[in-house]
Every structure is written in structure tokens, then in C-alpha cells.
Amino acid sequence: MKIVPSVRVFAVTFTAAFSIIYVLAVEYNWALFSYAPATRQFGPLVTPATAGPTMYWYGWMATTAIGAGVIAGLASLVPEGVAKRVWSGWSWVVPIGVLVAFAYLLRGYFMR
């Protein structure tokens, strides 16, 4: 089975873009929607709950998936000659770098 270069570029770009956008969405709270489990209500963007805590994780994942999909879709339109030069290692290097970034962002939880 032969993998089309544009699919390979999409997969590598999606992985790298998803990791980067996710860390930005968490840091700057770019949630597409919010969920309040106590009242079982969804709200647009970052909506504070009327009772109990608010969950933003679902909104962060939606924001990240849409953003990474758009970026990867645009990247898959590059010419085949450029697509063959995309290093597949980016799909591992970038998420590992994001793990280091999260460790830095959450250092307060580890240092207590």
C-alpha cells in the first residue's frame, strides 16, 4: 500500500499543530465551549458556571482539533516535491517539546 505524500504531510502537520495549539489553548484558555457538570449545561466560549466548577477541557480539545485540522489541510496542499522533504520526526519531536512546556507550566503543582 502506497501512502500519498499529502496524507503523510497532513498526519505529520496535524500532530505537530495539535500539540502546539493545545498548549496555547490551555495557557490562554481558548475554549470553544464550557461545560458545567453540576448543572449539566454547556456554554459558549469561556462561560463561568452558576454552581460548581466549570470544565474547559472539552472546549480546548474542540478548539485544538479545528485549528490543527485547518493547518494540516492547508499543509497537505503543498506540491509533492515539498511534501517529500517533510521530516516525519516532527510528529514526535514537537509533542515531546510540548510535554516539557507543560511540565514548566505546571511546575507549581510539582514544587509544593
PDB file of N, CA and C in Angstrom:
ATOM      1  N   MET A   1       0.845  -1.173   0.000  1.00  0.00           N
ATOM      2  CA  MET A   1       0.000   0.000   0.000  1.00  0.00           C
ATOM      3  C   MET A   1       0.887   1.233   0.000  1.00  0.00           C
ATOM      4  N   LYS A   2       0.629   2.141  -0.901  1.00  0.00           N
ATOM      5  CA  LYS A   2       1.425   3.355  -1.011  1.00  0.00           C
ATOM      6  C   LYS A   2       0.680   4.520  -0.364  1.00  0.00           C
ATOM      7  N   ILE A   3       1.364   5.221   0.526  1.00  0.00           N
ATOM      8  CA  ILE A   3       0.765   6.378   1.189  1.00  0.00           C
ATOM      9  C   ILE A   3       1.004   7.606   0.320  1.00  0.00           C
ATOM     10  N   VAL A   4      -0.050   8.302   0.009  1.00  0.00           N
ATOM     11  CA  VAL A   4       0.048   9.521  -0.784  1.00  0.00           C
ATOM     12  C   VAL A   4       0.783  10.571   0.041  1.00  0.00           C
ATOM     13  N   PRO A   5       1.743  11.300  -0.549  1.00  0.00           N
ATOM     14  CA  PRO A   5       2.506  12.285   0.232  1.00  0.00           C
ATOM     15  C   PRO A   5       1.642  13.310   0.951  1.00  0.00           C
ATOM     16  N   SER A   6       0.506  13.698   0.357  1.00  0.00           N
ATOM     17  CA  SER A   6      -0.320  14.708   1.021  1.00  0.00           C
ATOM     18  C   SER A   6      -0.943  14.166   2.306  1.00  0.00           C
ATOM     19  N   VAL A   7      -1.236  12.858   2.355  1.00  0.00           N
ATOM     20  CA  VAL A   7      -1.761  12.261   3.581  1.00  0.00           C
ATOM     21  C   VAL A   7      -0.667  12.237   4.643  1.00  0.00           C
ATOM     22  N   ARG A   8       0.554  11.921   4.230  1.00  0.00           N
ATOM     23  CA  ARG A   8       1.688  11.917   5.152  1.00  0.00           C
ATOM     24  C   ARG A   8       1.929  13.310   5.713  1.00  0.00           C
ATOM     25  N   VAL A   9       1.880  14.305   4.847  1.00  0.00           N
ATOM     26  CA  VAL A   9       2.069  15.692   5.291  1.00  0.00           C
ATOM     27  C   VAL A   9       0.938  16.099   6.223  1.00  0.00           C
ATOM     28  N   PHE A  10      -0.286  15.702   5.905  1.00  0.00           N
ATOM     29  CA  PHE A  10      -1.419  16.024   6.778  1.00  0.00           C
ATOM     30  C   PHE A  10      -1.214  15.434   8.161  1.00  0.00           C
ATOM     31  N   ALA A  11      -0.828  14.162   8.222  1.00  0.00           N
ATOM     32  CA  ALA A  11      -0.675  13.492   9.514  1.00  0.00           C
ATOM     33  C   ALA A  11       0.435  14.114  10.351  1.00  0.00           C
ATOM     34  N   VAL A  12       1.572  14.369   9.740  1.00  0.00           N
ATOM     35  CA  VAL A  12       2.700  14.964  10.476  1.00  0.00           C
ATOM     36  C   VAL A  12       2.355  16.375  10.928  1.00  0.00           C
ATOM     37  N   THR A  13       1.763  17.153  10.042  1.00  0.00           N
ATOM     38  CA  THR A  13       1.415  18.529  10.371  1.00  0.00           C
ATOM     39  C   THR A  13       0.312  18.584  11.426  1.00  0.00           C
ATOM     40  N   PHE A  14      -0.680  17.701  11.313  1.00  0.00           N
ATOM     41  CA  PHE A  14      -1.763  17.676  12.294  1.00  0.00           C
ATOM     42  C   PHE A  14      -1.216  17.371  13.683  1.00  0.00           C
ATOM     43  N   THR A  15      -0.325  16.390  13.769  1.00  0.00           N
ATOM     44  CA  THR A  15       0.238  16.015  15.067  1.00  0.00           C
ATOM     45  C   THR A  15       0.997  17.168  15.699  1.00  0.00           C
ATOM     46  N   ALA A  16       1.859  17.810  14.913  1.00  0.00           N
ATOM     47  CA  ALA A  16       2.657  18.917  15.438  1.00  0.00           C
ATOM     48  C   ALA A  16       1.775  20.119  15.779  1.00  0.00           C
ATOM     49  N   ALA A  17       0.854  20.458  14.867  1.00  0.00           N
ATOM     50  CA  ALA A  17      -0.019  21.612  15.099  1.00  0.00           C
ATOM     51  C   ALA A  17      -0.937  21.375  16.293  1.00  0.00           C
ATOM     52  N   PHE A  18      -1.470  20.154  16.433  1.00  0.00           N
ATOM     53  CA  PHE A  18      -2.349  19.843  17.551  1.00  0.00           C
ATOM     54  C   PHE A  18      -1.623  20.056  18.876  1.00  0.00           C
ATOM     55  N   SER A  19      -0.392  19.594  18.947  1.00  0.00           N
ATOM     56  CA  SER A  19       0.371  19.731  20.188  1.00  0.00           C
ATOM     57  C   SER A  19       0.605  21.192  20.546  1.00  0.00           C
ATOM     58  N   ILE A  20       1.007  21.976  19.562  1.00  0.00           N
ATOM     59  CA  ILE A  20       1.306  23.389  19.817  1.00  0.00           C
ATOM     60  C   ILE A  20       0.043  24.167  20.160  1.00  0.00           C
ATOM     61  N   ILE A  21      -1.019  23.954  19.390  1.00  0.00           N
ATOM     62  CA  ILE A  21      -2.264  24.681  19.644  1.00  0.00           C
ATOM     63  C   ILE A  21      -2.860  24.283  20.993  1.00  0.00           C
ATOM     64  N   TYR A  22      -2.714  23.007  21.381  1.00  0.00           N
ATOM     65  CA  TYR A  22      -3.265  22.567  22.657  1.00  0.00           C
ATOM     66  C   TYR A  22      -2.600  23.279  23.828  1.00  0.00           C
ATOM     67  N   VAL A  23      -1.281  23.391  23.802  1.00  0.00           N
ATOM     68  CA  VAL A  23      -0.605  24.076  24.908  1.00  0.00           C
ATOM     69  C   VAL A  23      -1.003  25.555  24.941  1.00  0.00           C
ATOM     70  N   LEU A  24      -1.210  26.165  23.786  1.00  0.00           N
ATOM     71  CA  LEU A  24      -1.661  27.559  23.750  1.00  0.00           C
ATOM     72  C   LEU A  24      -3.109  27.691  24.236  1.00  0.00           C
ATOM     73  N   ALA A  25      -3.960  26.732  23.851  1.00  0.00           N
ATOM     74  CA  ALA A  25      -5.351  26.773  24.288  1.00  0.00           C
ATOM     75  C   ALA A  25      -5.471  26.633  25.801  1.00  0.00           C
ATOM     76  N   VAL A  26      -4.641  25.794  26.382  1.00  0.00           N
ATOM     77  CA  VAL A  26      -4.670  25.626  27.832  1.00  0.00           C
ATOM     78  C   VAL A  26      -4.129  26.867  28.531  1.00  0.00           C
ATOM     79  N   GLU A  27      -3.008  27.381  28.041  1.00  0.00           N
ATOM     80  CA  GLU A  27      -2.367  28.534  28.689  1.00  0.00           C
ATOM     81  C   GLU A  27      -3.237  29.793  28.604  1.00  0.00           C
ATOM     82  N   TYR A  28      -3.855  30.037  27.451  1.00  0.00           N
ATOM     83  CA  TYR A  28      -4.642  31.258  27.258  1.00  0.00           C
ATOM     84  C   TYR A  28      -6.149  31.016  27.361  1.00  0.00           C
ATOM     85  N   ASN A  29      -6.564  29.791  27.716  1.00  0.00           N
ATOM     86  CA  ASN A  29      -7.958  29.411  27.908  1.00  0.00           C
ATOM     87  C   ASN A  29      -8.813  29.718  26.681  1.00  0.00           C
ATOM     88  N   TRP A  30      -8.380  29.172  25.537  1.00  0.00           N
ATOM     89  CA  TRP A  30      -9.131  29.314  24.291  1.00  0.00           C
ATOM     90  C   TRP A  30     -10.109  28.160  24.158  1.00  0.00           C
ATOM     91  N   ALA A  31     -11.127  28.146  24.981  1.00  0.00           N
ATOM     92  CA  ALA A  31     -12.124  27.076  24.934  1.00  0.00           C
ATOM     93  C   ALA A  31     -13.247  27.462  23.988  1.00  0.00           C
ATOM     94  N   LEU A  32     -13.599  26.564  23.089  1.00  0.00           N
ATOM     95  CA  LEU A  32     -14.694  26.807  22.164  1.00  0.00           C
ATOM     96  C   LEU A  32     -16.033  26.796  22.902  1.00  0.00           C
ATOM     97  N   PHE A  33     -16.104  25.995  23.953  1.00  0.00           N
ATOM     98  CA  PHE A  33     -17.287  25.961  24.810  1.00  0.00           C
ATOM     99  C   PHE A  33     -16.867  25.486  26.194  1.00  0.00           C
ATOM    100  N   SER A  34     -17.758  25.673  27.165  1.00  0.00           N
ATOM    101  CA  SER A  34     -17.527  25.272  28.552  1.00  0.00           C
ATOM    102  C   SER A  34     -18.636  24.310  28.970  1.00  0.00           C
ATOM    103  N   TYR A  35     -18.332  23.480  29.962  1.00  0.00           N
ATOM    104  CA  TYR A  35     -19.323  22.541  30.467  1.00  0.00           C
ATOM    105  C   TYR A  35     -19.356  22.624  31.986  1.00  0.00           C
ATOM    106  N   ALA A  36     -20.548  22.785  32.522  1.00  0.00           N
ATOM    107  CA  ALA A  36     -20.745  22.811  33.974  1.00  0.00           C
ATOM    108  C   ALA A  36     -21.418  21.505  34.373  1.00  0.00           C
ATOM    109  N   PRO A  37     -20.655  20.550  34.951  1.00  0.00           N
ATOM    110  CA  PRO A  37     -21.246  19.246  35.266  1.00  0.00           C
ATOM    111  C   PRO A  37     -22.312  19.292  36.356  1.00  0.00           C
ATOM    112  N   ALA A  38     -22.242  20.246  37.270  1.00  0.00           N
ATOM    113  CA  ALA A  38     -23.236  20.319  38.349  1.00  0.00           C
ATOM    114  C   ALA A  38     -24.620  20.655  37.797  1.00  0.00           C
ATOM    115  N   THR A  39     -24.662  21.542  36.819  1.00  0.00           N
ATOM    116  CA  THR A  39     -25.945  21.930  36.225  1.00  0.00           C
ATOM    117  C   THR A  39     -26.191  21.260  34.876  1.00  0.00           C
ATOM    118  N   ARG A  40     -25.197  20.517  34.392  1.00  0.00           N
ATOM    119  CA  ARG A  40     -25.265  19.824  33.097  1.00  0.00           C
ATOM    120  C   ARG A  40     -25.583  20.778  31.960  1.00  0.00           C
ATOM    121  N   GLN A  41     -24.887  21.901  31.952  1.00  0.00           N
ATOM    122  CA  GLN A  41     -25.111  22.905  30.916  1.00  0.00           C
ATOM    123  C   GLN A  41     -23.822  23.190  30.159  1.00  0.00           C
ATOM    124  N   PHE A  42     -23.975  23.397  28.855  1.00  0.00           N
ATOM    125  CA  PHE A  42     -22.875  23.841  28.014  1.00  0.00           C
ATOM    126  C   PHE A  42     -23.045  25.334  27.776  1.00  0.00           C
ATOM    127  N   GLY A  43     -21.934  26.034  27.678  1.00  0.00           N
ATOM    128  CA  GLY A  43     -21.975  27.463  27.405  1.00  0.00           C
ATOM    129  C   GLY A  43     -20.968  27.808  26.317  1.00  0.00           C
ATOM    130  N   PRO A  44     -21.222  28.880  25.580  1.00  0.00           N
ATOM    131  CA  PRO A  44     -20.286  29.262  24.527  1.00  0.00           C
ATOM    132  C   PRO A  44     -19.009  29.859  25.114  1.00  0.00           C
ATOM    133  N   LEU A  45     -17.904  29.558  24.472  1.00  0.00           N
ATOM    134  CA  LEU A  45     -16.587  30.076  24.866  1.00  0.00           C
ATOM    135  C   LEU A  45     -16.325  29.822  26.348  1.00  0.00           C
ATOM    136  N   VAL A  46     -15.733  30.772  27.037  1.00  0.00           N
ATOM    137  CA  VAL A  46     -15.402  30.599  28.452  1.00  0.00           C
ATOM    138  C   VAL A  46     -16.538  31.191  29.278  1.00  0.00           C
ATOM    139  N   THR A  47     -17.475  30.331  29.669  1.00  0.00           N
ATOM    140  CA  THR A  47     -18.637  30.748  30.440  1.00  0.00           C
ATOM    141  C   THR A  47     -18.494  30.224  31.864  1.00  0.00           C
ATOM    142  N   PRO A  48     -18.453  31.116  32.856  1.00  0.00           N
ATOM    143  CA  PRO A  48     -18.359  30.631  34.237  1.00  0.00           C
ATOM    144  C   PRO A  48     -19.665  29.942  34.657  1.00  0.00           C
ATOM    145  N   ALA A  49     -19.533  28.933  35.478  1.00  0.00           N
ATOM    146  CA  ALA A  49     -20.703  28.178  35.934  1.00  0.00           C
ATOM    147  C   ALA A  49     -21.439  28.952  37.016  1.00  0.00           C
ATOM    148  N   THR A  50     -22.736  28.712  37.106  1.00  0.00           N
ATOM    149  CA  THR A  50     -23.525  29.339  38.160  1.00  0.00           C
ATOM    150  C   THR A  50     -23.393  28.562  39.464  1.00  0.00           C
ATOM    151  N   ALA A  51     -23.133  27.264  39.364  1.00  0.00           N
ATOM    152  CA  ALA A  51     -22.947  26.433  40.560  1.00  0.00           C
ATOM    153  C   ALA A  51     -21.894  25.375  40.250  1.00  0.00           C
ATOM    154  N   GLY A  52     -20.935  25.233  41.137  1.00  0.00           N
ATOM    155  CA  GLY A  52     -19.908  24.216  40.963  1.00  0.00           C
ATOM    156  C   GLY A  52     -18.824  24.635  39.980  1.00  0.00           C
ATOM    157  N   PRO A  53     -17.917  23.713  39.716  1.00  0.00           N
ATOM    158  CA  PRO A  53     -16.803  24.031  38.819  1.00  0.00           C
ATOM    159  C   PRO A  53     -17.212  23.988  37.342  1.00  0.00           C
ATOM    160  N   THR A  54     -16.394  24.597  36.516  1.00  0.00           N
ATOM    161  CA  THR A  54     -16.599  24.584  35.078  1.00  0.00           C
ATOM    162  C   THR A  54     -15.468  23.804  34.434  1.00  0.00           C
ATOM    163  N   MET A  55     -15.812  22.986  33.442  1.00  0.00           N
ATOM    164  CA  MET A  55     -14.803  22.208  32.721  1.00  0.00           C
ATOM    165  C   MET A  55     -14.553  22.857  31.366  1.00  0.00           C
ATOM    166  N   TYR A  56     -13.285  23.150  31.090  1.00  0.00           N
ATOM    167  CA  TYR A  56     -12.909  23.752  29.815  1.00  0.00           C
ATOM    168  C   TYR A  56     -12.220  22.763  28.896  1.00  0.00           C
ATOM    169  N   TRP A  57     -11.877  21.576  29.379  1.00  0.00           N
ATOM    170  CA  TRP A  57     -11.078  20.633  28.612  1.00  0.00           C
ATOM    171  C   TRP A  57     -11.744  20.260  27.290  1.00  0.00           C
ATOM    172  N   TYR A  58     -13.037  20.001  27.292  1.00  0.00           N
ATOM    173  CA  TYR A  58     -13.734  19.649  26.060  1.00  0.00           C
ATOM    174  C   TYR A  58     -13.636  20.784  25.041  1.00  0.00           C
ATOM    175  N   GLY A  59     -13.772  21.996  25.511  1.00  0.00           N
ATOM    176  CA  GLY A  59     -13.658  23.156  24.625  1.00  0.00           C
ATOM    177  C   GLY A  59     -12.249  23.331  24.093  1.00  0.00           C
ATOM    178  N   TRP A  60     -11.253  23.057  24.938  1.00  0.00           N
ATOM    179  CA  TRP A  60      -9.853  23.144  24.475  1.00  0.00           C
ATOM    180  C   TRP A  60      -9.601  22.115  23.382  1.00  0.00           C
ATOM    181  N   MET A  61     -10.135  20.902  23.563  1.00  0.00           N
ATOM    182  CA  MET A  61      -9.930  19.844  22.565  1.00  0.00           C
ATOM    183  C   MET A  61     -10.611  20.196  21.242  1.00  0.00           C
ATOM    184  N   ALA A  62     -11.807  20.763  21.309  1.00  0.00           N
ATOM    185  CA  ALA A  62     -12.509  21.149  20.083  1.00  0.00           C
ATOM    186  C   ALA A  62     -11.760  22.265  19.363  1.00  0.00           C
ATOM    187  N   THR A  63     -11.322  23.269  20.112  1.00  0.00           N
ATOM    188  CA  THR A  63     -10.556  24.364  19.531  1.00  0.00           C
ATOM    189  C   THR A  63      -9.286  23.843  18.876  1.00  0.00           C
ATOM    190  N   THR A  64      -8.599  22.962  19.566  1.00  0.00           N
ATOM    191  CA  THR A  64      -7.340  22.416  19.074  1.00  0.00           C
ATOM    192  C   THR A  64      -7.552  21.561  17.832  1.00  0.00           C
ATOM    193  N   ALA A  65      -8.563  20.710  17.835  1.00  0.00           N
ATOM    194  CA  ALA A  65      -8.818  19.842  16.685  1.00  0.00           C
ATOM    195  C   ALA A  65      -9.179  20.648  15.442  1.00  0.00           C
ATOM    196  N   ILE A  66      -9.994  21.670  15.604  1.00  0.00           N
ATOM    197  CA  ILE A  66     -10.366  22.501  14.460  1.00  0.00           C
ATOM    198  C   ILE A  66      -9.155  23.251  13.926  1.00  0.00           C
ATOM    199  N   GLY A  67      -8.388  23.861  14.818  1.00  0.00           N
ATOM    200  CA  GLY A  67      -7.201  24.606  14.389  1.00  0.00           C
ATOM    201  C   GLY A  67      -6.173  23.723  13.717  1.00  0.00           C
ATOM    202  N   ALA A  68      -5.891  22.557  14.295  1.00  0.00           N
ATOM    203  CA  ALA A  68      -4.910  21.641  13.713  1.00  0.00           C
ATOM    204  C   ALA A  68      -5.411  21.082  12.385  1.00  0.00           C
ATOM    205  N   GLY A  69      -6.701  20.830  12.278  1.00  0.00           N
ATOM    206  CA  GLY A  69      -7.264  20.346  11.022  1.00  0.00           C
ATOM    207  C   GLY A  69      -7.129  21.354   9.896  1.00  0.00           C
ATOM    208  N   VAL A  70      -7.372  22.619  10.209  1.00  0.00           N
ATOM    209  CA  VAL A  70      -7.234  23.669   9.191  1.00  0.00           C
ATOM    210  C   VAL A  70      -5.776  23.803   8.757  1.00  0.00           C
ATOM    211  N   ILE A  71      -4.867  23.848   9.719  1.00  0.00           N
ATOM    212  CA  ILE A  71      -3.448  23.986   9.388  1.00  0.00           C
ATOM    213  C   ILE A  71      -2.949  22.780   8.592  1.00  0.00           C
ATOM    214  N   ALA A  72      -3.324  21.578   9.021  1.00  0.00           N
ATOM    215  CA  ALA A  72      -2.892  20.372   8.314  1.00  0.00           C
ATOM    216  C   ALA A  72      -3.524  20.280   6.928  1.00  0.00           C
ATOM    217  N   GLY A  73      -4.769  20.717   6.805  1.00  0.00           N
ATOM    218  CA  GLY A  73      -5.416  20.734   5.494  1.00  0.00           C
ATOM    219  C   GLY A  73      -4.705  21.656   4.525  1.00  0.00           C
ATOM    220  N   LEU A  74      -4.319  22.827   5.001  1.00  0.00           N
ATOM    221  CA  LEU A  74      -3.565  23.747   4.151  1.00  0.00           C
ATOM    222  C   LEU A  74      -2.185  23.194   3.814  1.00  0.00           C
ATOM    223  N   ALA A  75      -1.568  22.542   4.775  1.00  0.00           N
ATOM    224  CA  ALA A  75      -0.233  21.975   4.538  1.00  0.00           C
ATOM    225  C   ALA A  75      -0.280  20.820   3.552  1.00  0.00           C
ATOM    226  N   SER A  76      -1.385  20.095   3.496  1.00  0.00           N
ATOM    227  CA  SER A  76      -1.475  18.967   2.571  1.00  0.00           C
ATOM    228  C   SER A  76      -1.639  19.416   1.120  1.00  0.00           C
ATOM    229  N   LEU A  77      -1.844  20.687   0.904  1.00  0.00           N
ATOM    230  CA  LEU A  77      -1.984  21.207  -0.451  1.00  0.00           C
ATOM    231  C   LEU A  77      -0.656  21.606  -1.083  1.00  0.00           C
ATOM    232  N   VAL A  78       0.445  21.422  -0.353  1.00  0.00           N
ATOM    233  CA  VAL A  78       1.757  21.798  -0.888  1.00  0.00           C
ATOM    234  C   VAL A  78       2.136  20.848  -2.019  1.00  0.00           C
ATOM    235  N   PRO A  79       3.002  21.286  -2.935  1.00  0.00           N
ATOM    236  CA  PRO A  79       3.431  20.411  -4.036  1.00  0.00           C
ATOM    237  C   PRO A  79       4.132  19.147  -3.522  1.00  0.00           C
ATOM    238  N   GLU A  80       4.098  18.095  -4.340  1.00  0.00           N
ATOM    239  CA  GLU A  80       4.644  16.802  -3.935  1.00  0.00           C
ATOM    240  C   GLU A  80       6.135  16.866  -3.646  1.00  0.00           C
ATOM    241  N   GLY A  81       6.874  17.684  -4.369  1.00  0.00           N
ATOM    242  CA  GLY A  81       8.313  17.811  -4.125  1.00  0.00           C
ATOM    243  C   GLY A  81       8.620  18.350  -2.739  1.00  0.00           C
ATOM    244  N   VAL A  82       7.816  19.286  -2.299  1.00  0.00           N
ATOM    245  CA  VAL A  82       7.990  19.849  -0.950  1.00  0.00           C
ATOM    246  C   VAL A  82       7.510  18.838   0.096  1.00  0.00           C
ATOM    247  N   ALA A  83       6.426  18.130  -0.217  1.00  0.00           N
ATOM    248  CA  ALA A  83       5.862  17.167   0.725  1.00  0.00           C
ATOM    249  C   ALA A  83       6.833  16.041   1.038  1.00  0.00           C
ATOM    250  N   LYS A  84       7.635  15.634   0.084  1.00  0.00           N
ATOM    251  CA  LYS A  84       8.588  14.550   0.311  1.00  0.00           C
ATOM    252  C   LYS A  84       9.719  14.975   1.236  1.00  0.00           C
ATOM    253  N   ARG A  85       9.949  16.262   1.368  1.00  0.00           N
ATOM    254  CA  ARG A  85      11.022  16.749   2.219  1.00  0.00           C
ATOM    255  C   ARG A  85      10.584  16.985   3.661  1.00  0.00           C
ATOM    256  N   VAL A  86       9.315  16.799   3.975  1.00  0.00           N
ATOM    257  CA  VAL A  86       8.828  16.991   5.334  1.00  0.00           C
ATOM    258  C   VAL A  86       9.314  15.820   6.195  1.00  0.00           C
ATOM    259  N   TRP A  87       9.999  16.124   7.256  1.00  0.00           N
ATOM    260  CA  TRP A  87      10.549  15.093   8.135  1.00  0.00           C
ATOM    261  C   TRP A  87       9.454  14.563   9.043  1.00  0.00           C
ATOM    262  N   SER A  88       9.239  13.259   9.033  1.00  0.00           N
ATOM    263  CA  SER A  88       8.176  12.669   9.843  1.00  0.00           C
ATOM    264  C   SER A  88       8.503  12.709  11.341  1.00  0.00           C
ATOM    265  N   GLY A  89       9.735  12.967  11.686  1.00  0.00           N
ATOM    266  CA  GLY A  89      10.117  13.064  13.094  1.00  0.00           C
ATOM    267  C   GLY A  89       9.472  14.225  13.819  1.00  0.00           C
ATOM    268  N   TRP A  90       8.967  15.208  13.077  1.00  0.00           N
ATOM    269  CA  TRP A  90       8.277  16.333  13.733  1.00  0.00           C
ATOM    270  C   TRP A  90       7.063  15.854  14.512  1.00  0.00           C
ATOM    271  N   SER A  91       6.465  14.739  14.067  1.00  0.00           N
ATOM    272  CA  SER A  91       5.292  14.226  14.783  1.00  0.00           C
ATOM    273  C   SER A  91       5.657  13.658  16.153  1.00  0.00           C
ATOM    274  N   TRP A  92       6.956  13.489  16.435  1.00  0.00           N
ATOM    275  CA  TRP A  92       7.420  13.064  17.753  1.00  0.00           C
ATOM    276  C   TRP A  92       8.137  14.171  18.496  1.00  0.00           C
ATOM    277  N   VAL A  93       8.927  14.947  17.795  1.00  0.00           N
ATOM    278  CA  VAL A  93       9.738  15.988  18.435  1.00  0.00           C
ATOM    279  C   VAL A  93       8.857  17.075  19.050  1.00  0.00           C
ATOM    280  N   VAL A  94       7.878  17.539  18.298  1.00  0.00           N
ATOM    281  CA  VAL A  94       7.027  18.632  18.787  1.00  0.00           C
ATOM    282  C   VAL A  94       6.210  18.213  20.010  1.00  0.00           C
ATOM    283  N   PRO A  95       5.533  17.047  20.020  1.00  0.00           N
ATOM    284  CA  PRO A  95       4.804  16.671  21.239  1.00  0.00           C
ATOM    285  C   PRO A  95       5.711  16.493  22.461  1.00  0.00           C
ATOM    286  N   ILE A  96       6.918  16.004  22.267  1.00  0.00           N
ATOM    287  CA  ILE A  96       7.845  15.887  23.397  1.00  0.00           C
ATOM    288  C   ILE A  96       8.202  17.281  23.918  1.00  0.00           C
ATOM    289  N   GLY A  97       8.406  18.226  23.006  1.00  0.00           N
ATOM    290  CA  GLY A  97       8.651  19.606  23.427  1.00  0.00           C
ATOM    291  C   GLY A  97       7.464  20.192  24.168  1.00  0.00           C
ATOM    292  N   VAL A  98       6.257  19.829  23.749  1.00  0.00           N
ATOM    293  CA  VAL A  98       5.051  20.306  24.426  1.00  0.00           C
ATOM    294  C   VAL A  98       4.951  19.702  25.827  1.00  0.00           C
ATOM    295  N   LEU A  99       5.354  18.451  25.987  1.00  0.00           N
ATOM    296  CA  LEU A  99       5.373  17.854  27.327  1.00  0.00           C
ATOM    297  C   LEU A  99       6.310  18.626  28.253  1.00  0.00           C
ATOM    298  N   VAL A 100       7.442  19.041  27.726  1.00  0.00           N
ATOM    299  CA  VAL A 100       8.376  19.846  28.519  1.00  0.00           C
ATOM    300  C   VAL A 100       7.738  21.188  28.860  1.00  0.00           C
ATOM    301  N   ALA A 101       7.030  21.784  27.894  1.00  0.00           N
ATOM    302  CA  ALA A 101       6.351  23.062  28.145  1.00  0.00           C
ATOM    303  C   ALA A 101       5.281  22.905  29.225  1.00  0.00           C
ATOM    304  N   PHE A 102       4.514  21.809  29.194  1.00  0.00           N
ATOM    305  CA  PHE A 102       3.508  21.576  30.233  1.00  0.00           C
ATOM    306  C   PHE A 102       4.148  21.355  31.592  1.00  0.00           C
ATOM    307  N   ALA A 103       5.265  20.665  31.629  1.00  0.00           N
ATOM    308  CA  ALA A 103       5.965  20.477  32.903  1.00  0.00           C
ATOM    309  C   ALA A 103       6.372  21.827  33.478  1.00  0.00           C
ATOM    310  N   TYR A 104       6.789  22.742  32.598  1.00  0.00           N
ATOM    311  CA  TYR A 104       7.152  24.085  33.049  1.00  0.00           C
ATOM    312  C   TYR A 104       5.914  24.851  33.520  1.00  0.00           C
ATOM    313  N   LEU A 105       4.822  24.768  32.760  1.00  0.00           N
ATOM    314  CA  LEU A 105       3.602  25.491  33.133  1.00  0.00           C
ATOM    315  C   LEU A 105       3.010  24.974  34.443  1.00  0.00           C
ATOM    316  N   LEU A 106       3.149  23.690  34.691  1.00  0.00           N
ATOM    317  CA  LEU A 106       2.565  23.075  35.888  1.00  0.00           C
ATOM    318  C   LEU A 106       3.594  22.875  37.002  1.00  0.00           C
ATOM    319  N   ARG A 107       4.717  23.548  36.924  1.00  0.00           N
ATOM    320  CA  ARG A 107       5.775  23.360  37.919  1.00  0.00           C
ATOM    321  C   ARG A 107       5.314  23.699  39.328  1.00  0.00           C
ATOM    322  N   GLY A 108       4.350  24.587  39.481  1.00  0.00           N
ATOM    323  CA  GLY A 108       3.833  24.936  40.791  1.00  0.00           C
ATOM    324  C   GLY A 108       3.180  23.757  41.492  1.00  0.00           C
ATOM    325  N   TYR A 109       2.562  22.864  40.730  1.00  0.00           N
ATOM    326  CA  TYR A 109       1.930  21.676  41.301  1.00  0.00           C
ATOM    327  C   TYR A 109       2.969  20.655  41.761  1.00  0.00           C
ATOM    328  N   PHE A 110       4.118  20.637  41.088  1.00  0.00           N
ATOM    329  CA  PHE A 110       5.162  19.675  41.425  1.00  0.00           C
ATOM    330  C   PHE A 110       6.057  20.169  42.551  1.00  0.00           C
ATOM    331  N   MET A 111       6.092  21.463  42.784  1.00  0.00           N
ATOM    332  CA  MET A 111       7.013  22.055  43.755  1.00  0.00           C
ATOM    333  C   MET A 111       6.396  22.303  45.121  1.00  0.00           C
ATOM    334  N   ARG A 112       5.181  21.909  45.351  1.00  0.00           N
ATOM    335  CA  ARG A 112       4.504  22.168  46.619  1.00  0.00           C
ATOM    336  C   ARG A 112       5.033  21.317  47.718  1.00  0.00           C
TER     337      ARG A 112
END
